[in-house]
PDB file of N, CA and C in Angstrom:
ATOM      1  N   MET A   1      88.126  90.832 124.276  1.00  0.00           N
ATOM      2  CA  MET A   1      89.497  89.965 123.620  1.00  0.00           C
ATOM      3  C   MET A   1      89.989  90.816 122.502  1.00  0.00           C
ATOM      4  N   ALA A   2      90.883  90.600 121.614  1.00  0.00           N
ATOM      5  CA  ALA A   2      91.034  91.296 120.414  1.00  0.00           C
ATOM      6  C   ALA A   2      90.807  90.200 119.424  1.00  0.00           C
ATOM      7  N   THR A   3      90.602  90.222 118.311  1.00  0.00           N
ATOM      8  CA  THR A   3      89.942  89.151 117.177  1.00  0.00           C
ATOM      9  C   THR A   3      90.962  89.360 115.926  1.00  0.00           C
ATOM     10  N   VAL A   4      91.236  88.572 115.299  1.00  0.00           N
ATOM     11  CA  VAL A   4      91.796  88.508 113.966  1.00  0.00           C
ATOM     12  C   VAL A   4      90.791  88.765 112.914  1.00  0.00           C
ATOM     13  N   THR A   5      90.800  89.911 112.461  1.00  0.00           N
ATOM     14  CA  THR A   5      89.657  90.218 111.092  1.00  0.00           C
ATOM     15  C   THR A   5      90.977  89.620 109.757  1.00  0.00           C
ATOM     16  N   LEU A   6      89.788  89.217 108.703  1.00  0.00           N
ATOM     17  CA  LEU A   6      90.402  88.829 107.473  1.00  0.00           C
ATOM     18  C   LEU A   6      89.651  89.565 106.603  1.00  0.00           C
ATOM     19  N   PHE A   7      90.396  90.933 105.413  1.00  0.00           N
ATOM     20  CA  PHE A   7      89.739  90.962 104.640  1.00  0.00           C
ATOM     21  C   PHE A   7      89.917  90.941 103.293  1.00  0.00           C
ATOM     22  N   GLY A   8      88.780  90.356 102.571  1.00  0.00           N
ATOM     23  CA  GLY A   8      88.795  90.228 101.405  1.00  0.00           C
ATOM     24  C   GLY A   8      87.774  90.063 100.188  1.00  0.00           C
ATOM     25  N   ILE A   9      87.569  89.081  99.163  1.00  0.00           N
ATOM     26  CA  ILE A   9      86.537  88.695  98.541  1.00  0.00           C
ATOM     27  C   ILE A   9      87.024  87.458  98.724  1.00  0.00           C
ATOM     28  N   PRO A  10      85.408  86.573  98.990  1.00  0.00           N
ATOM     29  CA  PRO A  10      85.343  85.138  98.877  1.00  0.00           C
ATOM     30  C   PRO A  10      85.967  84.226  97.976  1.00  0.00           C
ATOM     31  N   ASN A  11      85.791  84.465  96.604  1.00  0.00           N
ATOM     32  CA  ASN A  11      86.294  84.084  95.722  1.00  0.00           C
ATOM     33  C   ASN A  11      87.768  84.018  94.856  1.00  0.00           C
ATOM     34  N   CYS A  12      88.204  84.936  96.355  1.00  0.00           N
ATOM     35  CA  CYS A  12      89.843  85.012  95.386  1.00  0.00           C
ATOM     36  C   CYS A  12      90.474  84.285  96.250  1.00  0.00           C
ATOM     37  N   ASP A  13      91.615  83.180  95.048  1.00  0.00           N
ATOM     38  CA  ASP A  13      92.220  82.026  95.637  1.00  0.00           C
ATOM     39  C   ASP A  13      92.729  82.218  96.648  1.00  0.00           C
ATOM     40  N   THR A  14      94.100  83.272  97.087  1.00  0.00           N
ATOM     41  CA  THR A  14      94.622  83.245  98.129  1.00  0.00           C
ATOM     42  C   THR A  14      93.857  83.461  99.308  1.00  0.00           C
ATOM     43  N   VAL A  15      92.650  84.336  99.273  1.00  0.00           N
ATOM     44  CA  VAL A  15      91.701  84.853 100.250  1.00  0.00           C
ATOM     45  C   VAL A  15      91.197  83.131 100.821  1.00  0.00           C
ATOM     46  N   LYS A  16      90.711  82.256  99.858  1.00  0.00           N
ATOM     47  CA  LYS A  16      90.311  80.905 100.298  1.00  0.00           C
ATOM     48  C   LYS A  16      91.347  80.368 100.953  1.00  0.00           C
ATOM     49  N   ARG A  17      92.844  80.169 100.657  1.00  0.00           N
ATOM     50  CA  ARG A  17      93.865  79.695 100.839  1.00  0.00           C
ATOM     51  C   ARG A  17      94.420  79.828 102.534  1.00  0.00           C
ATOM     52  N   ALA A  18      94.052  81.655 102.640  1.00  0.00           N
ATOM     53  CA  ALA A  18      94.644  82.311 104.204  1.00  0.00           C
ATOM     54  C   ALA A  18      93.242  81.693 104.813  1.00  0.00           C
ATOM     55  N   ARG A  19      92.530  81.844 104.641  1.00  0.00           N
ATOM     56  CA  ARG A  19      90.778  81.226 105.384  1.00  0.00           C
ATOM     57  C   ARG A  19      91.216  79.907 106.299  1.00  0.00           C
ATOM     58  N   THR A  20      91.167  79.018 104.995  1.00  0.00           N
ATOM     59  CA  THR A  20      91.754  77.634 105.533  1.00  0.00           C
ATOM     60  C   THR A  20      92.680  77.763 106.145  1.00  0.00           C
ATOM     61  N   TRP A  21      93.960  77.962 105.788  1.00  0.00           N
ATOM     62  CA  TRP A  21      95.252  78.125 106.736  1.00  0.00           C
ATOM     63  C   TRP A  21      94.377  78.412 108.074  1.00  0.00           C
ATOM     64  N   LEU A  22      94.167  79.572 108.729  1.00  0.00           N
ATOM     65  CA  LEU A  22      93.745  80.071 109.742  1.00  0.00           C
ATOM     66  C   LEU A  22      92.586  79.148 110.528  1.00  0.00           C
ATOM     67  N   THR A  23      92.031  78.729 109.779  1.00  0.00           N
ATOM     68  CA  THR A  23      90.953  77.587 110.545  1.00  0.00           C
ATOM     69  C   THR A  23      91.650  76.646 111.077  1.00  0.00           C
ATOM     70  N   GLU A  24      92.967  76.101 109.928  1.00  0.00           N
ATOM     71  CA  GLU A  24      93.256  74.600 110.251  1.00  0.00           C
ATOM     72  C   GLU A  24      94.360  74.702 111.877  1.00  0.00           C
ATOM     73  N   GLN A  25      94.881  76.117 112.020  1.00  0.00           N
ATOM     74  CA  GLN A  25      95.491  76.451 112.702  1.00  0.00           C
ATOM     75  C   GLN A  25      95.188  76.777 113.974  1.00  0.00           C
ATOM     76  N   GLY A  26      93.538  76.824 113.905  1.00  0.00           N
ATOM     77  CA  GLY A  26      92.819  76.654 115.402  1.00  0.00           C
ATOM     78  C   GLY A  26      92.453  78.555 115.319  1.00  0.00           C
ATOM     79  N   VAL A  27      93.362  79.128 114.443  1.00  0.00           N
ATOM     80  CA  VAL A  27      92.933  80.924 114.962  1.00  0.00           C
ATOM     81  C   VAL A  27      91.743  81.546 114.509  1.00  0.00           C
ATOM     82  N   THR A  28      90.995  81.853 115.798  1.00  0.00           N
ATOM     83  CA  THR A  28      89.323  82.336 115.789  1.00  0.00           C
ATOM     84  C   THR A  28      89.719  83.445 114.494  1.00  0.00           C
ATOM     85  N   HIS A  29      88.903  83.782 113.437  1.00  0.00           N
ATOM     86  CA  HIS A  29      88.924  85.135 112.456  1.00  0.00           C
ATOM     87  C   HIS A  29      87.617  85.324 112.153  1.00  0.00           C
ATOM     88  N   GLY A  30      87.380  86.439 111.931  1.00  0.00           N
ATOM     89  CA  GLY A  30      86.783  87.036 111.389  1.00  0.00           C
ATOM     90  C   GLY A  30      86.361  87.183 109.757  1.00  0.00           C
ATOM     91  N   PHE A  31      85.676  87.413 109.001  1.00  0.00           N
ATOM     92  CA  PHE A  31      86.161  87.692 107.661  1.00  0.00           C
ATOM     93  C   PHE A  31      84.845  88.877 106.843  1.00  0.00           C
ATOM     94  N   HIS A  32      86.021  90.057 106.832  1.00  0.00           N
ATOM     95  CA  HIS A  32      85.165  90.727 106.045  1.00  0.00           C
ATOM     96  C   HIS A  32      84.911  90.832 104.752  1.00  0.00           C
ATOM     97  N   ASP A  33      83.693  90.978 104.090  1.00  0.00           N
ATOM     98  CA  ASP A  33      84.340  90.504 102.499  1.00  0.00           C
ATOM     99  C   ASP A  33      83.494  91.870 101.839  1.00  0.00           C
ATOM    100  N   PHE A  34      84.596  92.136 101.235  1.00  0.00           N
ATOM    101  CA  PHE A  34      84.486  93.758 100.907  1.00  0.00           C
ATOM    102  C   PHE A  34      83.635  93.947  99.589  1.00  0.00           C
ATOM    103  N   LYS A  35      83.257  92.857  99.177  1.00  0.00           N
ATOM    104  CA  LYS A  35      81.743  92.357  98.183  1.00  0.00           C
ATOM    105  C   LYS A  35      80.663  93.381  98.190  1.00  0.00           C
ATOM    106  N   LYS A  36      80.518  92.332  99.910  1.00  0.00           N
ATOM    107  CA  LYS A  36      79.096  92.556 100.422  1.00  0.00           C
ATOM    108  C   LYS A  36      78.940  93.755 100.981  1.00  0.00           C
ATOM    109  N   ALA A  37      80.434  94.337 102.135  1.00  0.00           N
ATOM    110  CA  ALA A  37      80.464  95.064 103.066  1.00  0.00           C
ATOM    111  C   ALA A  37      80.915  96.317 102.587  1.00  0.00           C
ATOM    112  N   GLY A  38      81.612  96.560 101.475  1.00  0.00           N
ATOM    113  CA  GLY A  38      82.267  97.713 100.707  1.00  0.00           C
ATOM    114  C   GLY A  38      83.496  97.837 101.705  1.00  0.00           C
ATOM    115  N   VAL A  39      84.390  98.362 101.572  1.00  0.00           N
ATOM    116  CA  VAL A  39      85.944  99.071 102.197  1.00  0.00           C
ATOM    117  C   VAL A  39      85.510 100.144 103.328  1.00  0.00           C
ATOM    118  N   PRO A  40      85.896  99.616 104.582  1.00  0.00           N
ATOM    119  CA  PRO A  40      86.020 100.590 105.255  1.00  0.00           C
ATOM    120  C   PRO A  40      86.792 101.418 105.191  1.00  0.00           C
ATOM    121  N   ALA A  41      86.631 102.876 105.086  1.00  0.00           N
ATOM    122  CA  ALA A  41      87.748 103.877 104.894  1.00  0.00           C
ATOM    123  C   ALA A  41      88.862 104.108 106.086  1.00  0.00           C
ATOM    124  N   GLU A  42      88.045 104.394 107.200  1.00  0.00           N
ATOM    125  CA  GLU A  42      89.221 104.365 108.331  1.00  0.00           C
ATOM    126  C   GLU A  42      90.464 103.420 108.291  1.00  0.00           C
ATOM    127  N   HIS A  43      89.905 101.815 108.161  1.00  0.00           N
ATOM    128  CA  HIS A  43      90.581 100.676 108.094  1.00  0.00           C
ATOM    129  C   HIS A  43      91.429 101.019 106.887  1.00  0.00           C
ATOM    130  N   LEU A  44      91.076 101.379 105.709  1.00  0.00           N
ATOM    131  CA  LEU A  44      91.782 101.044 104.071  1.00  0.00           C
ATOM    132  C   LEU A  44      92.894 102.437 104.832  1.00  0.00           C
ATOM    133  N   ALA A  45      92.211 103.414 105.036  1.00  0.00           N
ATOM    134  CA  ALA A  45      93.381 104.365 105.525  1.00  0.00           C
ATOM    135  C   ALA A  45      94.686 103.516 106.560  1.00  0.00           C
ATOM    136  N   ALA A  46      94.156 103.047 107.603  1.00  0.00           N
ATOM    137  CA  ALA A  46      95.305 102.592 108.305  1.00  0.00           C
ATOM    138  C   ALA A  46      96.168 101.798 107.246  1.00  0.00           C
ATOM    139  N   TRP A  47      95.651 101.069 106.196  1.00  0.00           N
ATOM    140  CA  TRP A  47      96.514 100.083 106.428  1.00  0.00           C
ATOM    141  C   TRP A  47      97.361 100.704 104.962  1.00  0.00           C
ATOM    142  N   VAL A  48      97.317 102.043 104.327  1.00  0.00           N
ATOM    143  CA  VAL A  48      97.991 102.717 103.493  1.00  0.00           C
ATOM    144  C   VAL A  48      98.919 103.524 104.446  1.00  0.00           C
ATOM    145  N   ALA A  49      98.642 103.572 105.597  1.00  0.00           N
ATOM    146  CA  ALA A  49      99.250 104.607 106.450  1.00  0.00           C
ATOM    147  C   ALA A  49     100.666 103.280 107.195  1.00  0.00           C
ATOM    148  N   THR A  50     100.684 101.882 107.287  1.00  0.00           N
ATOM    149  CA  THR A  50     101.110 100.967 108.125  1.00  0.00           C
ATOM    150  C   THR A  50     101.920 100.850 106.641  1.00  0.00           C
ATOM    151  N   HIS A  51     101.369 100.465 105.352  1.00  0.00           N
ATOM    152  CA  HIS A  51     102.239  99.570 104.171  1.00  0.00           C
ATOM    153  C   HIS A  51     102.789 100.854 102.969  1.00  0.00           C
ATOM    154  N   GLY A  52     101.612 101.714 102.892  1.00  0.00           N
ATOM    155  CA  GLY A  52     102.146 102.549 101.988  1.00  0.00           C
ATOM    156  C   GLY A  52     101.240 102.068 100.823  1.00  0.00           C
ATOM    157  N   TRP A  53     100.724 103.177  99.952  1.00  0.00           N
ATOM    158  CA  TRP A  53      99.417 102.817  98.899  1.00  0.00           C
ATOM    159  C   TRP A  53      99.773 101.751  98.266  1.00  0.00           C
ATOM    160  N   GLU A  54     101.125 101.309  97.570  1.00  0.00           N
ATOM    161  CA  GLU A  54     101.353 101.019  96.639  1.00  0.00           C
ATOM    162  C   GLU A  54     102.179  99.747  97.048  1.00  0.00           C
ATOM    163  N   VAL A  55     101.796  99.267  98.610  1.00  0.00           N
ATOM    164  CA  VAL A  55     101.841  97.665  98.720  1.00  0.00           C
ATOM    165  C   VAL A  55     100.063  97.645  98.439  1.00  0.00           C
ATOM    166  N   VAL A  56      99.646  97.642  99.015  1.00  0.00           N
ATOM    167  CA  VAL A  56      98.193  97.942  99.684  1.00  0.00           C
ATOM    168  C   VAL A  56      96.939  98.046  97.911  1.00  0.00           C
ATOM    169  N   LEU A  57      97.620  98.855  96.913  1.00  0.00           N
ATOM    170  CA  LEU A  57      96.985  99.074  95.365  1.00  0.00           C
ATOM    171  C   LEU A  57      97.947  97.927  94.773  1.00  0.00           C
ATOM    172  N   ASN A  58      96.881  96.728  94.283  1.00  0.00           N
ATOM    173  CA  ASN A  58      97.138  95.843  93.250  1.00  0.00           C
ATOM    174  C   ASN A  58      97.643  95.857  91.949  1.00  0.00           C
ATOM    175  N   ARG A  59      98.220  96.355  91.540  1.00  0.00           N
ATOM    176  CA  ARG A  59      98.322  96.514  90.101  1.00  0.00           C
ATOM    177  C   ARG A  59      99.100  96.003  89.200  1.00  0.00           C
ATOM    178  N   LYS A  60      98.985  94.597  89.479  1.00  0.00           N
ATOM    179  CA  LYS A  60      99.229  92.840  88.872  1.00  0.00           C
ATOM    180  C   LYS A  60      98.044  92.159  88.632  1.00  0.00           C
ATOM    181  N   GLY A  61      97.080  92.499  89.365  1.00  0.00           N
ATOM    182  CA  GLY A  61      96.051  91.493  89.200  1.00  0.00           C
ATOM    183  C   GLY A  61      95.232  91.908  88.275  1.00  0.00           C
ATOM    184  N   THR A  62      93.641  91.109  87.884  1.00  0.00           N
ATOM    185  CA  THR A  62      93.359  91.282  86.518  1.00  0.00           C
ATOM    186  C   THR A  62      92.066  92.667  86.758  1.00  0.00           C
ATOM    187  N   ALA A  63      92.112  92.548  88.138  1.00  0.00           N
ATOM    188  CA  ALA A  63      90.573  93.981  88.405  1.00  0.00           C
ATOM    189  C   ALA A  63      91.539  95.410  87.969  1.00  0.00           C
ATOM    190  N   TRP A  64      92.912  95.602  88.494  1.00  0.00           N
ATOM    191  CA  TRP A  64      93.807  96.673  88.074  1.00  0.00           C
ATOM    192  C   TRP A  64      93.641  96.791  86.217  1.00  0.00           C
ATOM    193  N   ARG A  65      94.244  95.787  85.366  1.00  0.00           N
ATOM    194  CA  ARG A  65      93.883  95.809  84.066  1.00  0.00           C
ATOM    195  C   ARG A  65      92.798  96.393  83.606  1.00  0.00           C
ATOM    196  N   GLY A  66      91.909  95.656  84.416  1.00  0.00           N
ATOM    197  CA  GLY A  66      90.014  95.654  83.925  1.00  0.00           C
ATOM    198  C   GLY A  66      90.043  97.330  84.061  1.00  0.00           C
ATOM    199  N   LEU A  67      90.571  97.864  84.910  1.00  0.00           N
ATOM    200  CA  LEU A  67      90.199  99.567  84.458  1.00  0.00           C
ATOM    201  C   LEU A  67      90.836 100.201  83.481  1.00  0.00           C
ATOM    202  N   ASP A  68      90.104 101.808  83.252  1.00  0.00           N
ATOM    203  CA  ASP A  68      90.537 102.121  82.094  1.00  0.00           C
ATOM    204  C   ASP A  68      91.484 102.986  82.070  1.00  0.00           C
ATOM    205  N   ASP A  69      92.367 103.422  81.112  1.00  0.00           N
ATOM    206  CA  ASP A  69      93.602 104.093  81.433  1.00  0.00           C
ATOM    207  C   ASP A  69      93.198 105.216  82.072  1.00  0.00           C
ATOM    208  N   ALA A  70      91.967 105.892  81.767  1.00  0.00           N
ATOM    209  CA  ALA A  70      92.167 107.476  82.753  1.00  0.00           C
ATOM    210  C   ALA A  70      92.382 107.285  84.442  1.00  0.00           C
ATOM    211  N   ALA A  71      91.624 105.938  84.443  1.00  0.00           N
ATOM    212  CA  ALA A  71      91.015 105.744  86.223  1.00  0.00           C
ATOM    213  C   ALA A  71      92.527 105.858  86.520  1.00  0.00           C
ATOM    214  N   LYS A  72      93.468 104.135  85.892  1.00  0.00           N
ATOM    215  CA  LYS A  72      94.741 104.093  85.891  1.00  0.00           C
ATOM    216  C   LYS A  72      95.687 105.465  86.329  1.00  0.00           C
ATOM    217  N   ALA A  73      95.888 106.231  85.483  1.00  0.00           N
ATOM    218  CA  ALA A  73      96.410 107.696  85.505  1.00  0.00           C
ATOM    219  C   ALA A  73      95.959 108.371  86.316  1.00  0.00           C
ATOM    220  N   ALA A  74      94.628 108.129  86.888  1.00  0.00           N
ATOM    221  CA  ALA A  74      94.521 109.328  88.095  1.00  0.00           C
ATOM    222  C   ALA A  74      94.856 108.589  89.781  1.00  0.00           C
ATOM    223  N   VAL A  75      95.443 107.559  89.596  1.00  0.00           N
ATOM    224  CA  VAL A  75      96.324 107.117  90.605  1.00  0.00           C
ATOM    225  C   VAL A  75      97.478 107.406  90.895  1.00  0.00           C
ATOM    226  N   VAL A  76      97.536 108.395  91.510  1.00  0.00           N
ATOM    227  CA  VAL A  76      99.351 109.059  91.936  1.00  0.00           C
ATOM    228  C   VAL A  76     100.106 109.096  93.177  1.00  0.00           C
ATOM    229  N   ASP A  77      98.669 109.259  94.107  1.00  0.00           N
ATOM    230  CA  ASP A  77      99.190 109.208  95.627  1.00  0.00           C
ATOM    231  C   ASP A  77      98.471 108.910  96.516  1.00  0.00           C
ATOM    232  N   ALA A  78      98.318 108.480  97.626  1.00  0.00           N
ATOM    233  CA  ALA A  78      97.437 108.215  98.578  1.00  0.00           C
ATOM    234  C   ALA A  78      95.968 108.159  98.577  1.00  0.00           C
ATOM    235  N   TYR A  79      95.724 109.503  98.870  1.00  0.00           N
ATOM    236  CA  TYR A  79      94.532 110.058  98.161  1.00  0.00           C
ATOM    237  C   TYR A  79      93.500 109.587  97.251  1.00  0.00           C
ATOM    238  N   SER A  80      94.624 109.442  95.541  1.00  0.00           N
ATOM    239  CA  SER A  80      93.760 109.124  95.208  1.00  0.00           C
ATOM    240  C   SER A  80      93.718 107.243  94.522  1.00  0.00           C
ATOM    241  N   ALA A  81      94.589 106.987  95.291  1.00  0.00           N
ATOM    242  CA  ALA A  81      94.912 105.741  95.378  1.00  0.00           C
ATOM    243  C   ALA A  81      93.618 104.981  96.319  1.00  0.00           C
ATOM    244  N   GLN A  82      93.418 105.193  97.237  1.00  0.00           N
ATOM    245  CA  GLN A  82      92.625 104.848  98.801  1.00  0.00           C
ATOM    246  C   GLN A  82      91.421 104.646  97.443  1.00  0.00           C
ATOM    247  N   ALA A  83      90.582 106.446  97.018  1.00  0.00           N
ATOM    248  CA  ALA A  83      89.329 106.513  96.530  1.00  0.00           C
ATOM    249  C   ALA A  83      89.643 105.568  95.098  1.00  0.00           C
ATOM    250  N   ALA A  84      89.973 104.987  94.525  1.00  0.00           N
ATOM    251  CA  ALA A  84      90.704 103.980  93.407  1.00  0.00           C
ATOM    252  C   ALA A  84      89.873 102.377  94.195  1.00  0.00           C
ATOM    253  N   MET A  85      90.444 102.213  95.511  1.00  0.00           N
ATOM    254  CA  MET A  85      90.528 100.626  95.806  1.00  0.00           C
ATOM    255  C   MET A  85      88.680 101.031  96.211  1.00  0.00           C
ATOM    256  N   ARG A  86      88.715 102.083  97.170  1.00  0.00           N
ATOM    257  CA  ARG A  86      87.025 102.381  97.749  1.00  0.00           C
ATOM    258  C   ARG A  86      85.956 101.798  96.449  1.00  0.00           C
ATOM    259  N   ALA A  87      86.252 102.744  94.941  1.00  0.00           N
ATOM    260  CA  ALA A  87      85.036 102.213  94.565  1.00  0.00           C
ATOM    261  C   ALA A  87      85.357 101.118  93.613  1.00  0.00           C
ATOM    262  N   THR A  88      86.693 100.528  93.565  1.00  0.00           N
ATOM    263  CA  THR A  88      86.815  98.824  93.295  1.00  0.00           C
ATOM    264  C   THR A  88      87.486  98.182  93.536  1.00  0.00           C
ATOM    265  N   PRO A  89      87.193  97.490  94.967  1.00  0.00           N
ATOM    266  CA  PRO A  89      87.750  96.805  95.529  1.00  0.00           C
ATOM    267  C   PRO A  89      88.699  95.511  95.513  1.00  0.00           C
ATOM    268  N   SER A  90      87.634  94.947  94.301  1.00  0.00           N
ATOM    269  CA  SER A  90      88.834  93.783  94.201  1.00  0.00           C
ATOM    270  C   SER A  90      90.415  94.557  93.480  1.00  0.00           C
ATOM    271  N   VAL A  91      90.735  96.254  93.504  1.00  0.00           N
ATOM    272  CA  VAL A  91      92.234  96.490  93.545  1.00  0.00           C
ATOM    273  C   VAL A  91      93.187  95.939  94.456  1.00  0.00           C
ATOM    274  N   ILE A  92      92.332  95.903  95.452  1.00  0.00           N
ATOM    275  CA  ILE A  92      93.231  95.894  97.011  1.00  0.00           C
ATOM    276  C   ILE A  92      93.915  94.234  96.899  1.00  0.00           C
ATOM    277  N   LYS A  93      95.057  94.362  97.076  1.00  0.00           N
ATOM    278  CA  LYS A  93      96.107  93.619  97.588  1.00  0.00           C
ATOM    279  C   LYS A  93      95.428  92.761  98.666  1.00  0.00           C
ATOM    280  N   ARG A  94      95.293  90.952  98.343  1.00  0.00           N
ATOM    281  CA  ARG A  94      94.390  90.443  98.881  1.00  0.00           C
ATOM    282  C   ARG A  94      95.291  88.841  99.854  1.00  0.00           C
ATOM    283  N   PRO A  95      94.852  88.578 100.982  1.00  0.00           N
ATOM    284  CA  PRO A  95      94.339  89.293 102.093  1.00  0.00           C
ATOM    285  C   PRO A  95      94.663  90.393 102.942  1.00  0.00           C
ATOM    286  N   VAL A  96      94.250  91.055 103.177  1.00  0.00           N
ATOM    287  CA  VAL A  96      94.324  91.981 104.201  1.00  0.00           C
ATOM    288  C   VAL A  96      93.851  91.678 105.633  1.00  0.00           C
ATOM    289  N   VAL A  97      95.077  90.940 106.533  1.00  0.00           N
ATOM    290  CA  VAL A  97      94.127  90.741 107.832  1.00  0.00           C
ATOM    291  C   VAL A  97      94.463  91.799 109.470  1.00  0.00           C
ATOM    292  N   GLU A  98      94.381  91.956 109.861  1.00  0.00           N
ATOM    293  CA  GLU A  98      94.423  93.253 111.371  1.00  0.00           C
ATOM    294  C   GLU A  98      94.444  91.580 112.130  1.00  0.00           C
ATOM    295  N   TRP A  99      95.490  91.952 112.720  1.00  0.00           N
ATOM    296  CA  TRP A  99      96.069  90.805 113.823  1.00  0.00           C
ATOM    297  C   TRP A  99      95.402  91.072 114.835  1.00  0.00           C
ATOM    298  N   ALA A 100      95.136  89.982 116.570  1.00  0.00           N
ATOM    299  CA  ALA A 100      95.033  90.844 117.736  1.00  0.00           C
ATOM    300  C   ALA A 100      95.438  91.432 118.025  1.00  0.00           C
ATOM    301  N   ASP A 101      96.891  91.763 117.704  1.00  0.00           N
ATOM    302  CA  ASP A 101      97.999  92.474 118.309  1.00  0.00           C
ATOM    303  C   ASP A 101      98.193  93.998 117.716  1.00  0.00           C
ATOM    304  N   GLY A 102      97.294  94.726 117.046  1.00  0.00           N
ATOM    305  CA  GLY A 102      96.922  95.682 116.249  1.00  0.00           C
ATOM    306  C   GLY A 102      97.829  95.386 114.997  1.00  0.00           C
ATOM    307  N   SER A 103      98.848  94.803 114.632  1.00  0.00           N
ATOM    308  CA  SER A 103      99.331  94.863 113.176  1.00  0.00           C
ATOM    309  C   SER A 103      98.798  94.497 112.310  1.00  0.00           C
ATOM    310  N   ILE A 104      98.982  94.591 111.234  1.00  0.00           N
ATOM    311  CA  ILE A 104      98.239  94.621 109.604  1.00  0.00           C
ATOM    312  C   ILE A 104      99.284  94.063 108.968  1.00  0.00           C
ATOM    313  N   THR A 105      98.700  93.118 108.015  1.00  0.00           N
ATOM    314  CA  THR A 105      99.780  92.362 106.877  1.00  0.00           C
ATOM    315  C   THR A 105      98.501  92.533 105.354  1.00  0.00           C
ATOM    316  N   ILE A 106      99.845  92.844 104.598  1.00  0.00           N
ATOM    317  CA  ILE A 106      99.019  92.361 103.332  1.00  0.00           C
ATOM    318  C   ILE A 106      99.511  91.324 102.536  1.00  0.00           C
ATOM    319  N   GLY A 107      98.699  90.393 102.143  1.00  0.00           N
ATOM    320  CA  GLY A 107      98.956  89.142 101.635  1.00  0.00           C
ATOM    321  C   GLY A 107      98.909  88.179 102.488  1.00  0.00           C
ATOM    322  N   PHE A 108      98.763  86.757 101.738  1.00  0.00           N
ATOM    323  CA  PHE A 108      99.455  85.533 102.354  1.00  0.00           C
ATOM    324  C   PHE A 108     100.881  84.703 102.701  1.00  0.00           C
ATOM    325  N   ASP A 109     101.345  84.844 104.173  1.00  0.00           N
ATOM    326  CA  ASP A 109     102.423  84.333 104.220  1.00  0.00           C
ATOM    327  C   ASP A 109     102.658  83.331 105.163  1.00  0.00           C
ATOM    328  N   ALA A 110     102.137  82.613 104.567  1.00  0.00           N
ATOM    329  CA  ALA A 110     102.282  81.048 106.287  1.00  0.00           C
ATOM    330  C   ALA A 110     103.302  80.919 107.061  1.00  0.00           C
ATOM    331  N   ASP A 111     104.573  81.129 107.171  1.00  0.00           N
ATOM    332  CA  ASP A 111     105.505  81.643 107.603  1.00  0.00           C
ATOM    333  C   ASP A 111     105.298  82.599 108.315  1.00  0.00           C
ATOM    334  N   ASP A 112     105.389  83.598 107.929  1.00  0.00           N
ATOM    335  CA  ASP A 112     104.757  85.100 108.853  1.00  0.00           C
ATOM    336  C   ASP A 112     103.846  84.903 109.774  1.00  0.00           C
ATOM    337  N   TRP A 113     102.975  84.154 109.193  1.00  0.00           N
ATOM    338  CA  TRP A 113     101.448  83.969 109.956  1.00  0.00           C
ATOM    339  C   TRP A 113     101.449  83.273 110.978  1.00  0.00           C
ATOM    340  N   THR A 114     102.621  81.733 110.602  1.00  0.00           N
ATOM    341  CA  THR A 114     103.325  80.879 111.860  1.00  0.00           C
ATOM    342  C   THR A 114     103.726  81.441 112.946  1.00  0.00           C
ATOM    343  N   ARG A 115     104.696  82.210 112.864  1.00  0.00           N
ATOM    344  CA  ARG A 115     105.444  83.219 113.345  1.00  0.00           C
ATOM    345  C   ARG A 115     104.179  83.690 114.759  1.00  0.00           C
ATOM    346  N   ARG A 116     103.318  84.783 114.041  1.00  0.00           N
ATOM    347  CA  ARG A 116     102.061  85.815 114.715  1.00  0.00           C
ATOM    348  C   ARG A 116     101.329  84.729 115.650  1.00  0.00           C
ATOM    349  N   THR A 117     100.992  83.230 115.073  1.00  0.00           N
ATOM    350  CA  THR A 117     100.141  83.371 115.692  1.00  0.00           C
ATOM    351  C   THR A 117     100.591  82.123 116.967  1.00  0.00           C
ATOM    352  N   ARG A 118     102.240  81.883 116.785  1.00  0.00           N
ATOM    353  CA  ARG A 118     102.697  81.434 118.078  1.00  0.00           C
ATOM    354  C   ARG A 118     102.911  81.812 119.185  1.00  0.00           C
ATOM    355  N   THR A 119     102.856  82.882 118.761  1.00  0.00           N
ATOM    356  CA  THR A 119     103.809  84.143 119.958  1.00  0.00           C
ATOM    357  C   THR A 119     102.030  84.160 121.176  1.00  0.00           C
TER     358      THR A 119
END
């Protein structure tokens, strides 16, 4: 049986809300901690292929703002964005969820997630 996997970092408020929501809805899920386990390259490539690197890369967060200007300027395409996300996982928009049906979502949207878990 396929499972739901939530990817993120444990101290992120949005990840905390998402994990709580899944638990409260009775959705069995696993958690992949970027800080401890790193970013699986094959999963990152799938996220970028599905949503585009501009969506997966969080340029609004403090982690992105904390990068030096040269590191930011080096991100110009999917390849360079994935390299930056592997090097600094905190720049990935969170949470990333791989659903049991194989679909992938970026960010937390309770309404969308409700539709996904009710089918």
